């Protein structure tokens, strides 16, 4: 079999190690958090700490909310956004933990979220 540098060896452990920098982990965490709560990644602040050998992620970020006048006219708009800010933050923790682990392979012990503000979105559903 002819192998080149680009040809992966499947099922074979290779000597050496891989490291993901803190900056790369932070960028992934910010993107996952922004995606989960409907805000740009650059609005998310992420910090890491050691939690008995695992990584604990602390996030400070705003959250997207529907236009309140529209919610008064149509209370169903709140459900279209995913519910209350509290419910969305609780659900986002698991989503962020899963996504960061999936993308980086890092083992996180927990995700803490502090909501620092709100960004009004006019549409019905945050993507």
N, C-alpha and C. Protein backbone atom coordinates (compact mmCIF):
# COMPACT_ATOMS: atom_id res chain seq x y z
N UNK A 1 0.84 -1.18 0.00
CA UNK A 1 0.00 0.00 0.00
C UNK A 1 0.89 1.24 0.00
N UNK A 2 0.62 2.15 -0.88
CA UNK A 2 1.38 3.38 -0.99
C UNK A 2 0.70 4.45 -0.13
N UNK A 3 1.43 5.02 0.83
CA UNK A 3 0.85 6.01 1.74
C UNK A 3 1.55 7.34 1.58
N UNK A 4 0.78 8.41 1.69
CA UNK A 4 1.33 9.76 1.64
C UNK A 4 1.09 10.43 2.99
N UNK A 5 1.62 11.62 3.15
CA UNK A 5 1.44 12.35 4.41
C UNK A 5 -0.02 12.64 4.69
N UNK A 6 -0.86 12.75 3.65
CA UNK A 6 -2.26 13.07 3.84
C UNK A 6 -3.11 11.84 4.13
N UNK A 7 -2.56 10.65 3.95
CA UNK A 7 -3.34 9.43 4.12
C UNK A 7 -3.41 9.06 5.60
N UNK A 8 -4.60 9.07 6.20
CA UNK A 8 -4.70 8.70 7.61
C UNK A 8 -4.58 7.19 7.78
N UNK A 9 -4.05 6.79 8.90
CA UNK A 9 -3.96 5.37 9.22
C UNK A 9 -5.12 5.07 10.15
N UNK A 10 -6.11 4.38 9.66
CA UNK A 10 -7.31 4.11 10.44
C UNK A 10 -7.08 2.99 11.44
N UNK A 11 -7.56 3.19 12.66
CA UNK A 11 -7.49 2.15 13.68
C UNK A 11 -6.11 1.96 14.27
N UNK A 12 -5.16 2.82 13.94
CA UNK A 12 -3.81 2.69 14.46
C UNK A 12 -3.51 3.90 15.34
N UNK A 13 -3.04 3.62 16.56
CA UNK A 13 -2.66 4.71 17.46
C UNK A 13 -1.31 5.26 17.03
N UNK A 14 -1.21 6.54 16.93
CA UNK A 14 0.03 7.19 16.54
C UNK A 14 0.70 7.78 17.77
N UNK A 15 2.02 7.72 17.81
CA UNK A 15 2.77 8.31 18.91
C UNK A 15 2.63 9.82 18.85
N UNK A 16 2.76 10.47 19.99
CA UNK A 16 2.69 11.92 20.05
C UNK A 16 1.46 12.38 20.81
N UNK A 17 1.19 13.64 20.74
CA UNK A 17 0.03 14.18 21.45
C UNK A 17 -0.58 15.34 20.66
N UNK A 18 -1.81 15.61 20.98
CA UNK A 18 -2.53 16.74 20.39
C UNK A 18 -2.92 17.67 21.52
N UNK A 19 -2.87 18.94 21.26
CA UNK A 19 -3.30 19.92 22.24
C UNK A 19 -4.19 20.95 21.56
N UNK A 20 -5.22 21.33 22.25
CA UNK A 20 -6.10 22.39 21.76
C UNK A 20 -5.86 23.59 22.66
N UNK A 21 -5.48 24.70 22.10
CA UNK A 21 -5.15 25.88 22.90
C UNK A 21 -6.39 26.42 23.61
N UNK A 22 -6.13 27.16 24.66
CA UNK A 22 -7.21 27.81 25.39
C UNK A 22 -7.96 28.77 24.48
N UNK A 23 -7.24 29.43 23.61
CA UNK A 23 -7.88 30.37 22.67
C UNK A 23 -8.84 29.63 21.74
N UNK A 24 -8.43 28.46 21.24
CA UNK A 24 -9.31 27.69 20.37
C UNK A 24 -10.53 27.18 21.13
N UNK A 25 -10.34 26.69 22.35
CA UNK A 25 -11.46 26.23 23.17
C UNK A 25 -12.43 27.38 23.44
N UNK A 26 -11.88 28.54 23.72
CA UNK A 26 -12.71 29.71 24.00
C UNK A 26 -13.52 30.12 22.78
N UNK A 27 -12.90 30.10 21.61
CA UNK A 27 -13.62 30.45 20.38
C UNK A 27 -14.78 29.49 20.12
N UNK A 28 -14.54 28.20 20.32
CA UNK A 28 -15.60 27.21 20.13
C UNK A 28 -16.71 27.42 21.15
N UNK A 29 -16.35 27.66 22.40
CA UNK A 29 -17.35 27.86 23.45
C UNK A 29 -18.19 29.11 23.16
N UNK A 30 -17.57 30.18 22.73
CA UNK A 30 -18.30 31.41 22.42
C UNK A 30 -19.26 31.20 21.27
N UNK A 31 -18.82 30.48 20.24
CA UNK A 31 -19.69 30.20 19.09
C UNK A 31 -20.87 29.32 19.50
N UNK A 32 -20.62 28.29 20.29
CA UNK A 32 -21.70 27.40 20.74
C UNK A 32 -22.69 28.14 21.62
N UNK A 33 -22.20 29.01 22.49
CA UNK A 33 -23.09 29.77 23.37
C UNK A 33 -23.92 30.78 22.58
N UNK A 34 -23.28 31.47 21.66
CA UNK A 34 -24.02 32.43 20.82
C UNK A 34 -25.10 31.75 20.02
N UNK A 35 -24.77 30.58 19.47
CA UNK A 35 -25.75 29.81 18.69
C UNK A 35 -26.92 29.38 19.58
N UNK A 36 -26.62 28.97 20.80
CA UNK A 36 -27.67 28.46 21.70
C UNK A 36 -28.64 29.55 22.15
N UNK A 37 -28.15 30.77 22.33
CA UNK A 37 -29.01 31.83 22.85
C UNK A 37 -29.25 32.98 21.88
N UNK A 38 -28.88 32.78 20.61
CA UNK A 38 -29.26 33.72 19.57
C UNK A 38 -28.55 35.05 19.56
N UNK A 39 -27.27 35.06 19.97
CA UNK A 39 -26.49 36.29 19.93
C UNK A 39 -25.17 36.03 19.21
N UNK A 40 -24.52 37.07 18.69
CA UNK A 40 -23.23 36.87 18.03
C UNK A 40 -22.17 36.38 19.02
N UNK A 41 -21.29 35.54 18.54
CA UNK A 41 -20.23 34.98 19.39
C UNK A 41 -19.37 36.08 20.01
N UNK A 42 -19.17 37.18 19.31
CA UNK A 42 -18.32 38.25 19.85
C UNK A 42 -18.94 38.94 21.06
N UNK A 43 -20.23 38.71 21.33
CA UNK A 43 -20.88 39.27 22.52
C UNK A 43 -20.76 38.35 23.74
N UNK A 44 -20.14 37.20 23.56
CA UNK A 44 -20.03 36.21 24.64
C UNK A 44 -18.64 36.28 25.25
N UNK A 45 -18.59 36.31 26.58
CA UNK A 45 -17.32 36.24 27.31
C UNK A 45 -17.23 34.85 27.94
N UNK A 46 -16.13 34.16 27.73
CA UNK A 46 -15.95 32.80 28.23
C UNK A 46 -14.69 32.71 29.07
N UNK A 47 -14.79 32.01 30.20
CA UNK A 47 -13.64 31.76 31.07
C UNK A 47 -13.63 30.30 31.46
N UNK A 48 -12.44 29.74 31.60
CA UNK A 48 -12.27 28.34 31.97
C UNK A 48 -11.68 28.25 33.36
N UNK A 49 -12.05 27.19 34.08
CA UNK A 49 -11.41 26.90 35.36
C UNK A 49 -11.33 25.39 35.52
N UNK A 50 -10.44 24.97 36.42
CA UNK A 50 -10.26 23.56 36.70
C UNK A 50 -11.31 23.13 37.72
N UNK A 51 -11.96 22.02 37.46
CA UNK A 51 -12.97 21.48 38.36
C UNK A 51 -12.63 20.01 38.61
N UNK A 52 -11.68 19.77 39.51
CA UNK A 52 -11.22 18.42 39.84
C UNK A 52 -10.76 17.65 38.60
N UNK A 53 -9.97 18.30 37.76
CA UNK A 53 -9.41 17.65 36.59
C UNK A 53 -10.22 17.80 35.32
N UNK A 54 -11.43 18.29 35.43
CA UNK A 54 -12.26 18.57 34.26
C UNK A 54 -12.32 20.08 34.05
N UNK A 55 -12.83 20.49 32.92
CA UNK A 55 -12.96 21.91 32.64
C UNK A 55 -14.36 22.42 33.00
N UNK A 56 -14.40 23.53 33.71
CA UNK A 56 -15.66 24.21 34.00
C UNK A 56 -15.68 25.48 33.14
N UNK A 57 -16.78 25.70 32.45
CA UNK A 57 -16.92 26.84 31.56
C UNK A 57 -17.89 27.84 32.17
N UNK A 58 -17.45 29.09 32.28
CA UNK A 58 -18.30 30.18 32.77
C UNK A 58 -18.51 31.16 31.62
N UNK A 59 -19.76 31.47 31.35
CA UNK A 59 -20.12 32.37 30.26
C UNK A 59 -20.86 33.59 30.79
N UNK A 60 -20.57 34.73 30.22
CA UNK A 60 -21.32 35.96 30.48
C UNK A 60 -21.75 36.46 29.12
N UNK A 61 -23.06 36.66 28.96
CA UNK A 61 -23.57 37.00 27.63
C UNK A 61 -24.96 37.59 27.69
N UNK A 62 -25.33 38.35 26.66
CA UNK A 62 -26.72 38.77 26.54
C UNK A 62 -27.53 37.63 25.95
N UNK A 63 -28.83 37.81 25.92
CA UNK A 63 -29.72 36.82 25.32
C UNK A 63 -30.66 37.55 24.38
N UNK A 64 -31.01 36.90 23.28
CA UNK A 64 -31.97 37.50 22.35
C UNK A 64 -33.38 37.33 22.91
N UNK A 65 -34.15 38.39 22.85
CA UNK A 65 -35.54 38.36 23.32
C UNK A 65 -36.45 38.94 22.24
N UNK A 66 -37.71 38.54 22.24
CA UNK A 66 -38.64 39.11 21.26
C UNK A 66 -39.01 40.54 21.64
N UNK A 67 -39.47 41.28 20.67
CA UNK A 67 -39.97 42.62 20.90
C UNK A 67 -41.14 42.52 21.88
N UNK A 68 -41.07 43.24 23.00
CA UNK A 68 -42.07 43.09 24.05
C UNK A 68 -43.45 43.58 23.63
N UNK A 69 -43.52 44.57 22.77
CA UNK A 69 -44.81 45.03 22.27
C UNK A 69 -45.49 43.91 21.48
N UNK A 70 -44.70 43.21 20.69
CA UNK A 70 -45.24 42.09 19.91
C UNK A 70 -45.68 40.94 20.82
N UNK A 71 -44.97 40.73 21.93
CA UNK A 71 -45.35 39.67 22.87
C UNK A 71 -46.69 40.03 23.53
N UNK A 72 -46.89 41.31 23.83
CA UNK A 72 -48.18 41.73 24.41
C UNK A 72 -49.33 41.46 23.44
N UNK A 73 -49.09 41.72 22.17
CA UNK A 73 -50.12 41.48 21.15
C UNK A 73 -50.33 39.99 20.89
N UNK A 74 -49.24 39.23 20.93
CA UNK A 74 -49.29 37.80 20.63
C UNK A 74 -48.37 37.05 21.60
N UNK A 75 -48.90 36.60 22.76
CA UNK A 75 -48.09 35.90 23.75
C UNK A 75 -47.40 34.64 23.22
N UNK A 76 -47.87 34.10 22.10
CA UNK A 76 -47.25 32.93 21.50
C UNK A 76 -45.84 33.20 20.98
N UNK A 77 -45.51 34.48 20.80
CA UNK A 77 -44.17 34.83 20.34
C UNK A 77 -43.10 34.39 21.34
N UNK A 78 -43.41 34.43 22.62
CA UNK A 78 -42.46 34.01 23.64
C UNK A 78 -42.11 32.53 23.47
N UNK A 79 -43.12 31.72 23.22
CA UNK A 79 -42.89 30.29 23.00
C UNK A 79 -42.07 30.07 21.73
N UNK A 80 -42.29 30.89 20.71
CA UNK A 80 -41.53 30.77 19.47
C UNK A 80 -40.05 31.06 19.68
N UNK A 81 -39.73 31.83 20.71
CA UNK A 81 -38.34 32.13 21.04
C UNK A 81 -37.73 31.03 21.92
N UNK A 82 -38.53 30.10 22.37
CA UNK A 82 -38.01 29.01 23.20
C UNK A 82 -38.38 29.13 24.66
N UNK A 83 -39.27 30.06 24.98
CA UNK A 83 -39.72 30.20 26.36
C UNK A 83 -39.07 31.36 27.08
N UNK A 84 -39.14 31.31 28.40
CA UNK A 84 -38.59 32.39 29.21
C UNK A 84 -37.06 32.39 29.13
N UNK A 85 -36.47 33.48 29.55
CA UNK A 85 -35.00 33.58 29.57
C UNK A 85 -34.44 32.48 30.47
N UNK A 86 -35.05 32.26 31.61
CA UNK A 86 -34.59 31.21 32.53
C UNK A 86 -34.61 29.84 31.86
N UNK A 87 -35.74 29.48 31.26
CA UNK A 87 -35.86 28.18 30.60
C UNK A 87 -34.84 28.02 29.48
N UNK A 88 -34.62 29.07 28.72
CA UNK A 88 -33.67 29.00 27.62
C UNK A 88 -32.24 28.87 28.12
N UNK A 89 -31.91 29.57 29.20
CA UNK A 89 -30.55 29.46 29.75
C UNK A 89 -30.30 28.06 30.31
N UNK A 90 -31.28 27.49 30.97
CA UNK A 90 -31.14 26.13 31.51
C UNK A 90 -30.94 25.13 30.37
N UNK A 91 -31.73 25.25 29.32
CA UNK A 91 -31.61 24.34 28.18
C UNK A 91 -30.29 24.56 27.44
N UNK A 92 -29.83 25.81 27.39
CA UNK A 92 -28.60 26.13 26.68
C UNK A 92 -27.38 25.50 27.34
N UNK A 93 -27.39 25.35 28.65
CA UNK A 93 -26.25 24.74 29.35
C UNK A 93 -25.93 23.37 28.79
N UNK A 94 -26.94 22.53 28.70
CA UNK A 94 -26.73 21.17 28.18
C UNK A 94 -26.32 21.21 26.72
N UNK A 95 -26.94 22.08 25.94
CA UNK A 95 -26.63 22.19 24.52
C UNK A 95 -25.18 22.65 24.32
N UNK A 96 -24.73 23.63 25.08
CA UNK A 96 -23.37 24.15 24.96
C UNK A 96 -22.36 23.09 25.39
N UNK A 97 -22.63 22.44 26.51
CA UNK A 97 -21.72 21.39 27.00
C UNK A 97 -21.56 20.30 25.94
N UNK A 98 -22.66 19.85 25.39
CA UNK A 98 -22.65 18.79 24.38
C UNK A 98 -21.90 19.24 23.12
N UNK A 99 -22.16 20.46 22.67
CA UNK A 99 -21.55 20.95 21.43
C UNK A 99 -20.04 21.16 21.58
N UNK A 100 -19.62 21.75 22.69
CA UNK A 100 -18.18 21.99 22.92
C UNK A 100 -17.45 20.65 23.03
N UNK A 101 -18.04 19.70 23.75
CA UNK A 101 -17.43 18.37 23.87
C UNK A 101 -17.35 17.68 22.51
N UNK A 102 -18.42 17.78 21.74
CA UNK A 102 -18.47 17.16 20.41
C UNK A 102 -17.40 17.73 19.48
N UNK A 103 -17.21 19.04 19.51
CA UNK A 103 -16.28 19.69 18.59
C UNK A 103 -14.82 19.61 19.03
N UNK A 104 -14.57 19.60 20.34
CA UNK A 104 -13.18 19.66 20.82
C UNK A 104 -12.69 18.37 21.46
N UNK A 105 -13.60 17.54 21.94
CA UNK A 105 -13.20 16.35 22.67
C UNK A 105 -12.88 16.63 24.12
N UNK A 106 -12.95 17.89 24.54
CA UNK A 106 -12.67 18.26 25.93
C UNK A 106 -13.80 17.78 26.83
N UNK A 107 -13.44 17.36 28.04
CA UNK A 107 -14.45 16.91 28.99
C UNK A 107 -14.79 18.06 29.94
N UNK A 108 -16.01 18.53 29.83
CA UNK A 108 -16.47 19.62 30.68
C UNK A 108 -17.27 19.06 31.85
N UNK A 109 -17.07 19.64 33.02
CA UNK A 109 -17.85 19.22 34.18
C UNK A 109 -19.16 19.98 34.26
N UNK A 110 -19.13 21.25 33.82
CA UNK A 110 -20.34 22.06 33.92
C UNK A 110 -20.20 23.31 33.06
N UNK A 111 -21.35 23.94 32.82
CA UNK A 111 -21.41 25.22 32.13
C UNK A 111 -22.25 26.15 33.01
N UNK A 112 -21.68 27.29 33.36
CA UNK A 112 -22.39 28.30 34.13
C UNK A 112 -22.67 29.48 33.20
N UNK A 113 -23.90 29.98 33.23
CA UNK A 113 -24.27 31.11 32.37
C UNK A 113 -24.78 32.26 33.23
N UNK A 114 -24.23 33.44 32.96
CA UNK A 114 -24.74 34.67 33.59
C UNK A 114 -25.24 35.55 32.45
N UNK A 115 -26.51 35.88 32.48
CA UNK A 115 -27.12 36.74 31.45
C UNK A 115 -26.80 38.19 31.82
N UNK A 116 -26.15 38.89 30.88
CA UNK A 116 -25.71 40.26 31.16
C UNK A 116 -26.57 41.33 30.50
N UNK A 117 -27.53 40.91 29.69
CA UNK A 117 -28.36 41.89 29.00
C UNK A 117 -29.29 41.19 28.03
N UNK A 118 -30.00 41.98 27.26
CA UNK A 118 -30.94 41.44 26.29
C UNK A 118 -30.78 42.17 24.97
N UNK A 119 -30.88 41.41 23.90
CA UNK A 119 -30.85 41.96 22.55
C UNK A 119 -32.22 41.68 21.93
N UNK A 120 -32.93 42.74 21.56
CA UNK A 120 -34.28 42.58 21.02
C UNK A 120 -34.20 42.12 19.57
N UNK A 121 -34.92 41.07 19.28
CA UNK A 121 -35.02 40.54 17.92
C UNK A 121 -36.47 40.67 17.50
N UNK A 122 -36.71 41.17 16.30
CA UNK A 122 -38.06 41.39 15.83
C UNK A 122 -38.76 40.16 15.32
N UNK A 123 -38.00 39.17 14.85
CA UNK A 123 -38.59 37.97 14.24
C UNK A 123 -39.21 37.05 15.26
N UNK A 124 -39.76 35.97 14.76
CA UNK A 124 -40.45 35.01 15.62
C UNK A 124 -39.55 33.99 16.25
N UNK A 125 -38.60 33.47 15.54
CA UNK A 125 -37.77 32.38 16.06
C UNK A 125 -36.29 32.74 15.93
N UNK A 126 -35.55 32.58 17.00
CA UNK A 126 -34.11 32.82 16.98
C UNK A 126 -33.45 31.58 16.40
N UNK A 127 -32.51 31.77 15.52
CA UNK A 127 -31.82 30.61 14.93
C UNK A 127 -30.43 30.49 15.47
